[in-house]
């Protein structure tokens, strides 16, 4: 297997840092984005093995990033893991993205890593 690279997108620095550390331990080359706009710019320039995505962010939301991927980079959709604290009602925006695993914040690290492995075919 070649180098696996991941994009961690979350406006919460502590969560971004934690997920980066976890993925680095799994030998991912990790890139980060602190908001959705930065993520869209990076997604336009690079192909990622994995995208760990928060939904509620300033500038461009995770929902908008999923829409962008659906339209511009559909193959990457199957490598997305969503992390969110939004309520069940707000998750209605994920209809049509049934294959995208959703990890609820605060998340269990084992659940997150299981979703990562499943999304990248490493589990």
PDB file of N, CA and C in Angstrom:
ATOM      1  N   UNK A   1       0.852  -1.182   0.000  1.00  0.00           N
ATOM      2  CA  UNK A   1       0.000   0.000   0.000  1.00  0.00           C
ATOM      3  C   UNK A   1       0.887   1.231   0.000  1.00  0.00           C
ATOM      4  N   UNK A   2       0.550   2.222  -0.826  1.00  0.00           N
ATOM      5  CA  UNK A   2       1.331   3.445  -0.906  1.00  0.00           C
ATOM      6  C   UNK A   2       1.051   4.344   0.281  1.00  0.00           C
ATOM      7  N   UNK A   3       1.534   5.552   0.203  1.00  0.00           N
ATOM      8  CA  UNK A   3       1.312   6.515   1.268  1.00  0.00           C
ATOM      9  C   UNK A   3      -0.169   6.861   1.323  1.00  0.00           C
ATOM     10  N   UNK A   4      -0.745   6.753   2.510  1.00  0.00           N
ATOM     11  CA  UNK A   4      -2.134   7.146   2.703  1.00  0.00           C
ATOM     12  C   UNK A   4      -2.147   8.562   3.254  1.00  0.00           C
ATOM     13  N   UNK A   5      -2.888   9.415   2.598  1.00  0.00           N
ATOM     14  CA  UNK A   5      -2.967  10.776   3.094  1.00  0.00           C
ATOM     15  C   UNK A   5      -4.402  11.088   3.477  1.00  0.00           C
ATOM     16  N   UNK A   6      -4.524  11.877   4.526  1.00  0.00           N
ATOM     17  CA  UNK A   6      -5.839  12.211   5.066  1.00  0.00           C
ATOM     18  C   UNK A   6      -5.974  13.717   5.199  1.00  0.00           C
ATOM     19  N   UNK A   7      -7.209  14.162   5.067  1.00  0.00           N
ATOM     20  CA  UNK A   7      -7.546  15.556   5.328  1.00  0.00           C
ATOM     21  C   UNK A   7      -8.500  15.566   6.512  1.00  0.00           C
ATOM     22  N   UNK A   8      -8.105  16.256   7.573  1.00  0.00           N
ATOM     23  CA  UNK A   8      -8.940  16.405   8.766  1.00  0.00           C
ATOM     24  C   UNK A   8      -9.501  17.817   8.749  1.00  0.00           C
ATOM     25  N   UNK A   9     -10.839  17.916   8.711  1.00  0.00           N
ATOM     26  CA  UNK A   9     -11.512  19.206   8.586  1.00  0.00           C
ATOM     27  C   UNK A   9     -12.392  19.424   9.808  1.00  0.00           C
ATOM     28  N   UNK A  10     -11.986  20.350  10.667  1.00  0.00           N
ATOM     29  CA  UNK A  10     -12.771  20.677  11.860  1.00  0.00           C
ATOM     30  C   UNK A  10     -12.340  22.049  12.343  1.00  0.00           C
ATOM     31  N   UNK A  11     -13.327  22.878  12.723  1.00  0.00           N
ATOM     32  CA  UNK A  11     -12.985  24.218  13.202  1.00  0.00           C
ATOM     33  C   UNK A  11     -12.538  24.217  14.666  1.00  0.00           C
ATOM     34  N   UNK A  12     -12.666  23.094  15.350  1.00  0.00           N
ATOM     35  CA  UNK A  12     -12.223  22.965  16.736  1.00  0.00           C
ATOM     36  C   UNK A  12     -10.780  22.463  16.736  1.00  0.00           C
ATOM     37  N   UNK A  13      -9.861  23.319  17.190  1.00  0.00           N
ATOM     38  CA  UNK A  13      -8.436  22.996  17.156  1.00  0.00           C
ATOM     39  C   UNK A  13      -8.124  21.711  17.923  1.00  0.00           C
ATOM     40  N   UNK A  14      -8.724  21.526  19.102  1.00  0.00           N
ATOM     41  CA  UNK A  14      -8.428  20.354  19.927  1.00  0.00           C
ATOM     42  C   UNK A  14      -8.836  19.063  19.216  1.00  0.00           C
ATOM     43  N   UNK A  15      -9.988  19.060  18.581  1.00  0.00           N
ATOM     44  CA  UNK A  15     -10.439  17.864  17.864  1.00  0.00           C
ATOM     45  C   UNK A  15      -9.563  17.613  16.646  1.00  0.00           C
ATOM     46  N   UNK A  16      -9.256  18.684  15.921  1.00  0.00           N
ATOM     47  CA  UNK A  16      -8.379  18.563  14.742  1.00  0.00           C
ATOM     48  C   UNK A  16      -7.035  17.961  15.152  1.00  0.00           C
ATOM     49  N   UNK A  17      -6.504  18.440  16.258  1.00  0.00           N
ATOM     50  CA  UNK A  17      -5.213  17.964  16.752  1.00  0.00           C
ATOM     51  C   UNK A  17      -5.283  16.501  17.188  1.00  0.00           C
ATOM     52  N   UNK A  18      -6.340  16.129  17.914  1.00  0.00           N
ATOM     53  CA  UNK A  18      -6.503  14.749  18.366  1.00  0.00           C
ATOM     54  C   UNK A  18      -6.616  13.791  17.189  1.00  0.00           C
ATOM     55  N   UNK A  19      -7.478  14.119  16.233  1.00  0.00           N
ATOM     56  CA  UNK A  19      -7.664  13.235  15.075  1.00  0.00           C
ATOM     57  C   UNK A  19      -6.377  13.149  14.253  1.00  0.00           C
ATOM     58  N   UNK A  20      -5.664  14.255  14.130  1.00  0.00           N
ATOM     59  CA  UNK A  20      -4.382  14.252  13.421  1.00  0.00           C
ATOM     60  C   UNK A  20      -3.405  13.301  14.096  1.00  0.00           C
ATOM     61  N   UNK A  21      -3.329  13.356  15.419  1.00  0.00           N
ATOM     62  CA  UNK A  21      -2.439  12.470  16.170  1.00  0.00           C
ATOM     63  C   UNK A  21      -2.821  11.004  15.969  1.00  0.00           C
ATOM     64  N   UNK A  22      -4.120  10.715  16.054  1.00  0.00           N
ATOM     65  CA  UNK A  22      -4.583   9.336  15.875  1.00  0.00           C
ATOM     66  C   UNK A  22      -4.239   8.799  14.485  1.00  0.00           C
ATOM     67  N   UNK A  23      -4.457   9.625  13.465  1.00  0.00           N
ATOM     68  CA  UNK A  23      -4.190   9.182  12.092  1.00  0.00           C
ATOM     69  C   UNK A  23      -2.690   9.071  11.819  1.00  0.00           C
ATOM     70  N   UNK A  24      -1.914   9.943  12.420  1.00  0.00           N
ATOM     71  CA  UNK A  24      -0.463   9.876  12.267  1.00  0.00           C
ATOM     72  C   UNK A  24       0.058   8.569  12.849  1.00  0.00           C
ATOM     73  N   UNK A  25      -0.501   8.149  13.980  1.00  0.00           N
ATOM     74  CA  UNK A  25      -0.127   6.854  14.578  1.00  0.00           C
ATOM     75  C   UNK A  25      -0.466   5.683  13.660  1.00  0.00           C
ATOM     76  N   UNK A  26      -1.476   5.865  12.816  1.00  0.00           N
ATOM     77  CA  UNK A  26      -1.868   4.832  11.840  1.00  0.00           C
ATOM     78  C   UNK A  26      -1.094   4.991  10.525  1.00  0.00           C
ATOM     79  N   UNK A  27      -0.078   5.844  10.558  1.00  0.00           N
ATOM     80  CA  UNK A  27       0.834   6.087   9.435  1.00  0.00           C
ATOM     81  C   UNK A  27       0.210   6.827   8.265  1.00  0.00           C
ATOM     82  N   UNK A  28      -0.762   7.688   8.571  1.00  0.00           N
ATOM     83  CA  UNK A  28      -1.300   8.590   7.555  1.00  0.00           C
ATOM     84  C   UNK A  28      -0.440   9.841   7.497  1.00  0.00           C
ATOM     85  N   UNK A  29      -0.306  10.376   6.320  1.00  0.00           N
ATOM     86  CA  UNK A  29       0.267  11.695   6.114  1.00  0.00           C
ATOM     87  C   UNK A  29      -0.937  12.638   6.210  1.00  0.00           C
ATOM     88  N   UNK A  30      -1.002  13.460   7.261  1.00  0.00           N
ATOM     89  CA  UNK A  30      -2.213  14.219   7.562  1.00  0.00           C
ATOM     90  C   UNK A  30      -2.084  15.691   7.195  1.00  0.00           C
ATOM     91  N   UNK A  31      -3.081  16.168   6.500  1.00  0.00           N
ATOM     92  CA  UNK A  31      -3.245  17.581   6.172  1.00  0.00           C
ATOM     93  C   UNK A  31      -4.484  18.041   6.943  1.00  0.00           C
ATOM     94  N   UNK A  32      -4.549  19.309   7.318  1.00  0.00           N
ATOM     95  CA  UNK A  32      -5.695  19.788   8.076  1.00  0.00           C
ATOM     96  C   UNK A  32      -6.285  21.046   7.442  1.00  0.00           C
ATOM     97  N   UNK A  33      -7.553  21.268   7.778  1.00  0.00           N
ATOM     98  CA  UNK A  33      -8.241  22.499   7.390  1.00  0.00           C
ATOM     99  C   UNK A  33      -9.081  22.931   8.586  1.00  0.00           C
ATOM    100  N   UNK A  34      -9.029  24.212   8.913  1.00  0.00           N
ATOM    101  CA  UNK A  34      -9.741  24.719  10.091  1.00  0.00           C
ATOM    102  C   UNK A  34     -11.127  25.248   9.760  1.00  0.00           C
ATOM    103  N   UNK A  35     -11.477  25.242   8.479  1.00  0.00           N
ATOM    104  CA  UNK A  35     -12.840  25.610   8.082  1.00  0.00           C
ATOM    105  C   UNK A  35     -13.129  25.006   6.711  1.00  0.00           C
ATOM    106  N   UNK A  36     -14.380  25.086   6.328  1.00  0.00           N
ATOM    107  CA  UNK A  36     -14.799  24.462   5.088  1.00  0.00           C
ATOM    108  C   UNK A  36     -14.191  25.070   3.843  1.00  0.00           C
ATOM    109  N   UNK A  37     -13.971  26.370   3.848  1.00  0.00           N
ATOM    110  CA  UNK A  37     -13.385  27.015   2.671  1.00  0.00           C
ATOM    111  C   UNK A  37     -11.964  26.506   2.428  1.00  0.00           C
ATOM    112  N   UNK A  38     -11.178  26.436   3.491  1.00  0.00           N
ATOM    113  CA  UNK A  38      -9.816  25.904   3.377  1.00  0.00           C
ATOM    114  C   UNK A  38      -9.861  24.454   2.873  1.00  0.00           C
ATOM    115  N   UNK A  39     -10.830  23.690   3.348  1.00  0.00           N
ATOM    116  CA  UNK A  39     -10.969  22.297   2.911  1.00  0.00           C
ATOM    117  C   UNK A  39     -11.270  22.208   1.424  1.00  0.00           C
ATOM    118  N   UNK A  40     -12.199  23.017   0.938  1.00  0.00           N
ATOM    119  CA  UNK A  40     -12.545  22.990  -0.489  1.00  0.00           C
ATOM    120  C   UNK A  40     -11.324  23.329  -1.336  1.00  0.00           C
ATOM    121  N   UNK A  41     -10.540  24.310  -0.900  1.00  0.00           N
ATOM    122  CA  UNK A  41      -9.328  24.672  -1.641  1.00  0.00           C
ATOM    123  C   UNK A  41      -8.356  23.493  -1.697  1.00  0.00           C
ATOM    124  N   UNK A  42      -8.161  22.812  -0.569  1.00  0.00           N
ATOM    125  CA  UNK A  42      -7.246  21.671  -0.530  1.00  0.00           C
ATOM    126  C   UNK A  42      -7.790  20.495  -1.340  1.00  0.00           C
ATOM    127  N   UNK A  43      -9.094  20.277  -1.284  1.00  0.00           N
ATOM    128  CA  UNK A  43      -9.701  19.182  -2.048  1.00  0.00           C
ATOM    129  C   UNK A  43      -9.598  19.421  -3.553  1.00  0.00           C
ATOM    130  N   UNK A  44      -9.547  20.685  -3.940  1.00  0.00           N
ATOM    131  CA  UNK A  44      -9.387  21.008  -5.354  1.00  0.00           C
ATOM    132  C   UNK A  44      -7.985  20.749  -5.866  1.00  0.00           C
ATOM    133  N   UNK A  45      -7.033  20.670  -4.932  1.00  0.00           N
ATOM    134  CA  UNK A  45      -5.633  20.508  -5.318  1.00  0.00           C
ATOM    135  C   UNK A  45      -5.084  19.105  -5.131  1.00  0.00           C
ATOM    136  N   UNK A  46      -5.682  18.334  -4.209  1.00  0.00           N
ATOM    137  CA  UNK A  46      -5.111  17.035  -3.850  1.00  0.00           C
ATOM    138  C   UNK A  46      -6.165  15.941  -3.803  1.00  0.00           C
ATOM    139  N   UNK A  47      -5.695  14.737  -3.989  1.00  0.00           N
ATOM    140  CA  UNK A  47      -6.509  13.539  -3.825  1.00  0.00           C
ATOM    141  C   UNK A  47      -6.189  12.996  -2.434  1.00  0.00           C
ATOM    142  N   UNK A  48      -7.218  12.631  -1.676  1.00  0.00           N
ATOM    143  CA  UNK A  48      -7.003  12.118  -0.323  1.00  0.00           C
ATOM    144  C   UNK A  48      -7.514  10.696  -0.204  1.00  0.00           C
ATOM    145  N   UNK A  49      -6.793   9.885   0.567  1.00  0.00           N
ATOM    146  CA  UNK A  49      -7.207   8.514   0.868  1.00  0.00           C
ATOM    147  C   UNK A  49      -8.353   8.506   1.858  1.00  0.00           C
ATOM    148  N   UNK A  50      -8.437   9.593   2.657  1.00  0.00           N
ATOM    149  CA  UNK A  50      -9.428   9.680   3.721  1.00  0.00           C
ATOM    150  C   UNK A  50      -9.722  11.143   4.007  1.00  0.00           C
ATOM    151  N   UNK A  51     -11.001  11.441   4.288  1.00  0.00           N
ATOM    152  CA  UNK A  51     -11.398  12.782   4.722  1.00  0.00           C
ATOM    153  C   UNK A  51     -12.224  12.610   5.989  1.00  0.00           C
ATOM    154  N   UNK A  52     -11.763  13.205   7.082  1.00  0.00           N
ATOM    155  CA  UNK A  52     -12.518  13.213   8.335  1.00  0.00           C
ATOM    156  C   UNK A  52     -13.099  14.611   8.439  1.00  0.00           C
ATOM    157  N   UNK A  53     -14.429  14.696   8.454  1.00  0.00           N
ATOM    158  CA  UNK A  53     -15.128  15.951   8.207  1.00  0.00           C
ATOM    159  C   UNK A  53     -16.132  16.312   9.292  1.00  0.00           C
ATOM    160  N   UNK A  54     -15.997  17.508   9.837  1.00  0.00           N
ATOM    161  CA  UNK A  54     -17.010  18.067  10.732  1.00  0.00           C
ATOM    162  C   UNK A  54     -18.107  18.662   9.848  1.00  0.00           C
ATOM    163  N   UNK A  55     -19.331  18.716  10.371  1.00  0.00           N
ATOM    164  CA  UNK A  55     -20.429  19.280   9.581  1.00  0.00           C
ATOM    165  C   UNK A  55     -20.628  20.770   9.811  1.00  0.00           C
ATOM    166  N   UNK A  56     -20.580  21.203  11.058  1.00  0.00           N
ATOM    167  CA  UNK A  56     -20.890  22.594  11.386  1.00  0.00           C
ATOM    168  C   UNK A  56     -19.606  23.409  11.508  1.00  0.00           C
ATOM    169  N   UNK A  57     -19.343  24.210  10.472  1.00  0.00           N
ATOM    170  CA  UNK A  57     -18.140  25.045  10.432  1.00  0.00           C
ATOM    171  C   UNK A  57     -18.459  26.380   9.788  1.00  0.00           C
ATOM    172  N   UNK A  58     -17.628  27.381  10.077  1.00  0.00           N
ATOM    173  CA  UNK A  58     -17.835  28.681   9.435  1.00  0.00           C
ATOM    174  C   UNK A  58     -17.438  28.640   7.954  1.00  0.00           C
ATOM    175  N   UNK A  59     -17.911  29.619   7.232  1.00  0.00           N
ATOM    176  CA  UNK A  59     -17.618  29.851   5.818  1.00  0.00           C
ATOM    177  C   UNK A  59     -18.260  28.828   4.896  1.00  0.00           C
ATOM    178  N   UNK A  60     -17.847  27.579   4.988  1.00  0.00           N
ATOM    179  CA  UNK A  60     -18.419  26.510   4.175  1.00  0.00           C
ATOM    180  C   UNK A  60     -18.664  25.338   5.124  1.00  0.00           C
ATOM    181  N   UNK A  61     -19.890  24.828   5.147  1.00  0.00           N
ATOM    182  CA  UNK A  61     -20.220  23.739   6.074  1.00  0.00           C
ATOM    183  C   UNK A  61     -19.778  22.384   5.522  1.00  0.00           C
ATOM    184  N   UNK A  62     -19.775  21.391   6.398  1.00  0.00           N
ATOM    185  CA  UNK A  62     -19.489  20.029   5.965  1.00  0.00           C
ATOM    186  C   UNK A  62     -20.512  19.529   4.956  1.00  0.00           C
ATOM    187  N   UNK A  63     -21.766  19.966   5.118  1.00  0.00           N
ATOM    188  CA  UNK A  63     -22.803  19.590   4.146  1.00  0.00           C
ATOM    189  C   UNK A  63     -22.422  20.101   2.755  1.00  0.00           C
ATOM    190  N   UNK A  64     -21.926  21.336   2.703  1.00  0.00           N
ATOM    191  CA  UNK A  64     -21.520  21.919   1.414  1.00  0.00           C
ATOM    192  C   UNK A  64     -20.296  21.208   0.843  1.00  0.00           C
ATOM    193  N   UNK A  65     -19.405  20.743   1.712  1.00  0.00           N
ATOM    194  CA  UNK A  65     -18.238  19.987   1.241  1.00  0.00           C
ATOM    195  C   UNK A  65     -18.686  18.656   0.641  1.00  0.00           C
ATOM    196  N   UNK A  66     -19.649  17.998   1.289  1.00  0.00           N
ATOM    197  CA  UNK A  66     -20.179  16.751   0.733  1.00  0.00           C
ATOM    198  C   UNK A  66     -20.806  16.995  -0.637  1.00  0.00           C
ATOM    199  N   UNK A  67     -21.513  18.093  -0.774  1.00  0.00           N
ATOM    200  CA  UNK A  67     -22.118  18.435  -2.064  1.00  0.00           C
ATOM    201  C   UNK A  67     -21.025  18.687  -3.105  1.00  0.00           C
ATOM    202  N   UNK A  68     -19.985  19.433  -2.716  1.00  0.00           N
ATOM    203  CA  UNK A  68     -18.848  19.688  -3.607  1.00  0.00           C
ATOM    204  C   UNK A  68     -18.223  18.369  -4.075  1.00  0.00           C
ATOM    205  N   UNK A  69     -17.980  17.457  -3.126  1.00  0.00           N
ATOM    206  CA  UNK A  69     -17.388  16.168  -3.483  1.00  0.00           C
ATOM    207  C   UNK A  69     -18.308  15.391  -4.420  1.00  0.00           C
ATOM    208  N   UNK A  70     -19.589  15.415  -4.125  1.00  0.00           N
ATOM    209  CA  UNK A  70     -20.565  14.710  -4.951  1.00  0.00           C
ATOM    210  C   UNK A  70     -20.515  15.200  -6.397  1.00  0.00           C
ATOM    211  N   UNK A  71     -20.352  16.504  -6.570  1.00  0.00           N
ATOM    212  CA  UNK A  71     -20.341  17.102  -7.906  1.00  0.00           C
ATOM    213  C   UNK A  71     -18.977  17.061  -8.581  1.00  0.00           C
ATOM    214  N   UNK A  72     -17.911  17.283  -7.806  1.00  0.00           N
ATOM    215  CA  UNK A  72     -16.582  17.459  -8.398  1.00  0.00           C
ATOM    216  C   UNK A  72     -15.632  16.268  -8.221  1.00  0.00           C
ATOM    217  N   UNK A  73     -15.765  15.536  -7.116  1.00  0.00           N
ATOM    218  CA  UNK A  73     -14.834  14.440  -6.799  1.00  0.00           C
ATOM    219  C   UNK A  73     -15.611  13.256  -6.227  1.00  0.00           C
ATOM    220  N   UNK A  74     -16.585  12.703  -6.949  1.00  0.00           N
ATOM    221  CA  UNK A  74     -17.472  11.679  -6.383  1.00  0.00           C
ATOM    222  C   UNK A  74     -16.762  10.441  -5.828  1.00  0.00           C
ATOM    223  N   UNK A  75     -15.629  10.073  -6.380  1.00  0.00           N
ATOM    224  CA  UNK A  75     -14.908   8.898  -5.869  1.00  0.00           C
ATOM    225  C   UNK A  75     -14.443   9.115  -4.434  1.00  0.00           C
ATOM    226  N   UNK A  76     -14.196  10.357  -4.058  1.00  0.00           N
ATOM    227  CA  UNK A  76     -13.733  10.649  -2.697  1.00  0.00           C
ATOM    228  C   UNK A  76     -14.841  10.507  -1.660  1.00  0.00           C
ATOM    229  N   UNK A  77     -16.096  10.559  -2.068  1.00  0.00           N
ATOM    230  CA  UNK A  77     -17.207  10.445  -1.117  1.00  0.00           C
ATOM    231  C   UNK A  77     -17.148   9.158  -0.308  1.00  0.00           C
ATOM    232  N   UNK A  78     -16.709   8.082  -0.931  1.00  0.00           N
ATOM    233  CA  UNK A  78     -16.658   6.807  -0.227  1.00  0.00           C
ATOM    234  C   UNK A  78     -15.527   6.743   0.792  1.00  0.00           C
ATOM    235  N   UNK A  79     -14.696   7.771   0.838  1.00  0.00           N
ATOM    236  CA  UNK A  79     -13.581   7.804   1.788  1.00  0.00           C
ATOM    237  C   UNK A  79     -13.767   8.894   2.850  1.00  0.00           C
ATOM    238  N   UNK A  80     -15.028   9.315   3.048  1.00  0.00           N
ATOM    239  CA  UNK A  80     -15.344  10.362   4.025  1.00  0.00           C
ATOM    240  C   UNK A  80     -15.899   9.732   5.298  1.00  0.00           C
ATOM    241  N   UNK A  81     -15.436  10.229   6.440  1.00  0.00           N
ATOM    242  CA  UNK A  81     -16.016   9.916   7.741  1.00  0.00           C
ATOM    243  C   UNK A  81     -16.454  11.247   8.339  1.00  0.00           C
ATOM    244  N   UNK A  82     -17.731  11.353   8.684  1.00  0.00           N
ATOM    245  CA  UNK A  82     -18.273  12.579   9.269  1.00  0.00           C
ATOM    246  C   UNK A  82     -18.225  12.477  10.788  1.00  0.00           C
ATOM    247  N   UNK A  83     -17.759  13.545  11.435  1.00  0.00           N
ATOM    248  CA  UNK A  83     -17.825  13.684  12.893  1.00  0.00           C
ATOM    249  C   UNK A  83     -18.737  14.869  13.168  1.00  0.00           C
ATOM    250  N   UNK A  84     -19.709  14.701  14.061  1.00  0.00           N
ATOM    251  CA  UNK A  84     -20.610  15.819  14.307  1.00  0.00           C
ATOM    252  C   UNK A  84     -21.267  15.748  15.671  1.00  0.00           C
ATOM    253  N   UNK A  85     -21.663  16.913  16.149  1.00  0.00           N
ATOM    254  CA  UNK A  85     -22.435  17.011  17.387  1.00  0.00           C
ATOM    255  C   UNK A  85     -23.857  17.467  17.097  1.00  0.00           C
ATOM    256  N   UNK A  86     -24.223  17.606  15.818  1.00  0.00           N
ATOM    257  CA  UNK A  86     -25.569  18.083  15.477  1.00  0.00           C
ATOM    258  C   UNK A  86     -26.614  17.059  15.880  1.00  0.00           C
ATOM    259  N   UNK A  87     -27.815  17.544  16.111  1.00  0.00           N
ATOM    260  CA  UNK A  87     -28.916  16.674  16.488  1.00  0.00           C
ATOM    261  C   UNK A  87     -29.423  15.849  15.312  1.00  0.00           C
ATOM    262  N   UNK A  88     -30.243  14.886  15.639  1.00  0.00           N
ATOM    263  CA  UNK A  88     -30.787  13.977  14.628  1.00  0.00           C
ATOM    264  C   UNK A  88     -31.524  14.728  13.522  1.00  0.00           C
ATOM    265  N   UNK A  89     -32.282  15.765  13.900  1.00  0.00           N
ATOM    266  CA  UNK A  89     -33.031  16.551  12.915  1.00  0.00           C
ATOM    267  C   UNK A  89     -32.096  17.188  11.889  1.00  0.00           C
ATOM    268  N   UNK A  90     -30.963  17.714  12.366  1.00  0.00           N
ATOM    269  CA  UNK A  90     -30.014  18.361  11.468  1.00  0.00           C
ATOM    270  C   UNK A  90     -29.305  17.366  10.548  1.00  0.00           C
ATOM    271  N   UNK A  91     -29.296  16.093  10.928  1.00  0.00           N
ATOM    272  CA  UNK A  91     -28.656  15.087  10.086  1.00  0.00           C
ATOM    273  C   UNK A  91     -29.476  14.760   8.848  1.00  0.00           C
ATOM    274  N   UNK A  92     -30.683  15.319   8.756  1.00  0.00           N
ATOM    275  CA  UNK A  92     -31.501  15.120   7.555  1.00  0.00           C
ATOM    276  C   UNK A  92     -30.759  15.619   6.320  1.00  0.00           C
ATOM    277  N   UNK A  93     -29.864  16.569   6.509  1.00  0.00           N
ATOM    278  CA  UNK A  93     -29.058  17.085   5.406  1.00  0.00           C
ATOM    279  C   UNK A  93     -28.116  16.049   4.811  1.00  0.00           C
ATOM    280  N   UNK A  94     -27.963  14.909   5.492  1.00  0.00           N
ATOM    281  CA  UNK A  94     -27.095  13.849   4.991  1.00  0.00           C
ATOM    282  C   UNK A  94     -27.833  12.833   4.127  1.00  0.00           C
ATOM    283  N   UNK A  95     -29.132  13.049   3.926  1.00  0.00           N
ATOM    284  CA  UNK A  95     -29.867  12.131   3.046  1.00  0.00           C
ATOM    285  C   UNK A  95     -29.202  12.143   1.676  1.00  0.00           C
ATOM    286  N   UNK A  96     -29.045  10.972   1.131  1.00  0.00           N
ATOM    287  CA  UNK A  96     -28.339  10.855  -0.139  1.00  0.00           C
ATOM    288  C   UNK A  96     -26.879  10.500   0.058  1.00  0.00           C
ATOM    289  N   UNK A  97     -26.416  10.587   1.301  1.00  0.00           N
ATOM    290  CA  UNK A  97     -25.034  10.221   1.623  1.00  0.00           C
ATOM    291  C   UNK A  97     -25.048   9.059   2.618  1.00  0.00           C
ATOM    292  N   UNK A  98     -25.940   8.101   2.396  1.00  0.00           N
ATOM    293  CA  UNK A  98     -26.128   6.994   3.331  1.00  0.00           C
ATOM    294  C   UNK A  98     -24.869   6.171   3.562  1.00  0.00           C
ATOM    295  N   UNK A  99     -23.989   6.126   2.587  1.00  0.00           N
ATOM    296  CA  UNK A  99     -22.775   5.325   2.721  1.00  0.00           C
ATOM    297  C   UNK A  99     -21.711   6.020   3.570  1.00  0.00           C
ATOM    298  N   UNK A 100     -21.915   7.289   3.897  1.00  0.00           N
ATOM    299  CA  UNK A 100     -20.934   8.048   4.677  1.00  0.00           C
ATOM    300  C   UNK A 100     -21.169   7.767   6.163  1.00  0.00           C
ATOM    301  N   UNK A 101     -20.176   7.163   6.850  1.00  0.00           N
ATOM    302  CA  UNK A 101     -20.353   6.905   8.270  1.00  0.00           C
ATOM    303  C   UNK A 101     -20.372   8.204   9.079  1.00  0.00           C
ATOM    304  N   UNK A 102     -21.215   8.223  10.108  1.00  0.00           N
ATOM    305  CA  UNK A 102     -21.339   9.402  10.975  1.00  0.00           C
ATOM    306  C   UNK A 102     -20.940   8.997  12.387  1.00  0.00           C
ATOM    307  N   UNK A 103     -19.937   9.669  12.919  1.00  0.00           N
ATOM    308  CA  UNK A 103     -19.473   9.460  14.284  1.00  0.00           C
ATOM    309  C   UNK A 103     -19.943  10.659  15.103  1.00  0.00           C
ATOM    310  N   UNK A 104     -20.655  10.391  16.190  1.00  0.00           N
ATOM    311  CA  UNK A 104     -21.210  11.461  17.021  1.00  0.00           C
ATOM    312  C   UNK A 104     -20.178  11.972  18.025  1.00  0.00           C
ATOM    313  N   UNK A 105     -20.092  13.302  18.117  1.00  0.00           N
ATOM    314  CA  UNK A 105     -19.251  13.939  19.135  1.00  0.00           C
ATOM    315  C   UNK A 105     -20.063  14.052  20.422  1.00  0.00           C
ATOM    316  N   UNK A 106     -19.480  13.885  21.578  1.00  0.00           N
ATOM    317  CA  UNK A 106     -18.094  13.430  21.765  1.00  0.00           C
ATOM    318  C   UNK A 106     -17.984  11.975  21.322  1.00  0.00           C
ATOM    319  N   UNK A 107     -16.936  11.664  20.598  1.00  0.00           N
ATOM    320  CA  UNK A 107     -16.820  10.342  19.996  1.00  0.00           C
ATOM    321  C   UNK A 107     -15.890   9.442  20.787  1.00  0.00           C
ATOM    322  N   UNK A 108     -16.129   8.163  20.616  1.00  0.00           N
ATOM    323  CA  UNK A 108     -15.253   7.137  21.166  1.00  0.00           C
ATOM    324  C   UNK A 108     -14.137   6.933  20.137  1.00  0.00           C
ATOM    325  N   UNK A 109     -12.905   6.978  20.577  1.00  0.00           N
ATOM    326  CA  UNK A 109     -11.767   6.855  19.661  1.00  0.00           C
ATOM    327  C   UNK A 109     -11.823   5.542  18.879  1.00  0.00           C
ATOM    328  N   UNK A 110     -12.207   4.462  19.543  1.00  0.00           N
ATOM    329  CA  UNK A 110     -12.285   3.166  18.848  1.00  0.00           C
ATOM    330  C   UNK A 110     -13.326   3.205  17.732  1.00  0.00           C
ATOM    331  N   UNK A 111     -14.457   3.881  17.970  1.00  0.00           N
ATOM    332  CA  UNK A 111     -15.487   3.998  16.931  1.00  0.00           C
ATOM    333  C   UNK A 111     -14.970   4.795  15.735  1.00  0.00           C
ATOM    334  N   UNK A 112     -14.271   5.879  16.025  1.00  0.00           N
ATOM    335  CA  UNK A 112     -13.717   6.692  14.943  1.00  0.00           C
ATOM    336  C   UNK A 112     -12.728   5.877  14.119  1.00  0.00           C
ATOM    337  N   UNK A 113     -11.820   5.195  14.779  1.00  0.00           N
ATOM    338  CA  UNK A 113     -10.792   4.456  14.055  1.00  0.00           C
ATOM    339  C   UNK A 113     -11.402   3.277  13.281  1.00  0.00           C
ATOM    340  N   UNK A 114     -12.446   2.676  13.800  1.00  0.00           N
ATOM    341  CA  UNK A 114     -13.147   1.601  13.078  1.00  0.00           C
ATOM    342  C   UNK A 114     -13.759   2.166  11.791  1.00  0.00           C
ATOM    343  N   UNK A 115     -14.390   3.335  11.889  1.00  0.00           N
ATOM    344  CA  UNK A 115     -14.982   3.976  10.714  1.00  0.00           C
ATOM    345  C   UNK A 115     -13.905   4.345   9.692  1.00  0.00           C
ATOM    346  N   UNK A 116     -12.759   4.813  10.182  1.00  0.00           N
ATOM    347  CA  UNK A 116     -11.638   5.160   9.295  1.00  0.00           C
ATOM    348  C   UNK A 116     -11.172   3.915   8.550  1.00  0.00           C
ATOM    349  N   UNK A 117     -10.973   2.847   9.270  1.00  0.00           N
ATOM    350  CA  UNK A 117     -10.485   1.607   8.628  1.00  0.00           C
ATOM    351  C   UNK A 117     -11.495   1.077   7.616  1.00  0.00           C
ATOM    352  N   UNK A 118     -12.765   1.137   7.960  1.00  0.00           N
ATOM    353  CA  UNK A 118     -13.800   0.673   7.037  1.00  0.00           C
ATOM    354  C   UNK A 118     -13.862   1.536   5.782  1.00  0.00           C
ATOM    355  N   UNK A 119     -13.685   2.847   5.938  1.00  0.00           N
ATOM    356  CA  UNK A 119     -13.768   3.767   4.800  1.00  0.00           C
ATOM    357  C   UNK A 119     -12.590   3.634   3.852  1.00  0.00           C
ATOM    358  N   UNK A 120     -11.467   3.195   4.388  1.00  0.00           N
ATOM    359  CA  UNK A 120     -10.270   3.095   3.548  1.00  0.00           C
ATOM    360  C   UNK A 120      -9.956   1.657   3.152  1.00  0.00           C
ATOM    361  N   UNK A 121     -10.841   0.733   3.565  1.00  0.00           N
ATOM    362  CA  UNK A 121     -10.623  -0.665   3.217  1.00  0.00           C
ATOM    363  C   UNK A 121      -9.509  -1.312   4.013  1.00  0.00           C
ATOM    364  N   UNK A 122      -9.075  -0.644   5.099  1.00  0.00           N
ATOM    365  CA  UNK A 122      -7.974  -1.194   5.908  1.00  0.00           C
ATOM    366  C   UNK A 122      -8.511  -2.000   7.094  1.00  0.00           C
ATOM    367  N   UNK A 123      -9.815  -2.194   7.165  1.00  0.00           N
ATOM    368  CA  UNK A 123     -10.337  -2.899   8.325  1.00  0.00           C
ATOM    369  C   UNK A 123     -11.142  -4.015   7.899  1.00  0.00           C
TER     370      UNK A 123
END
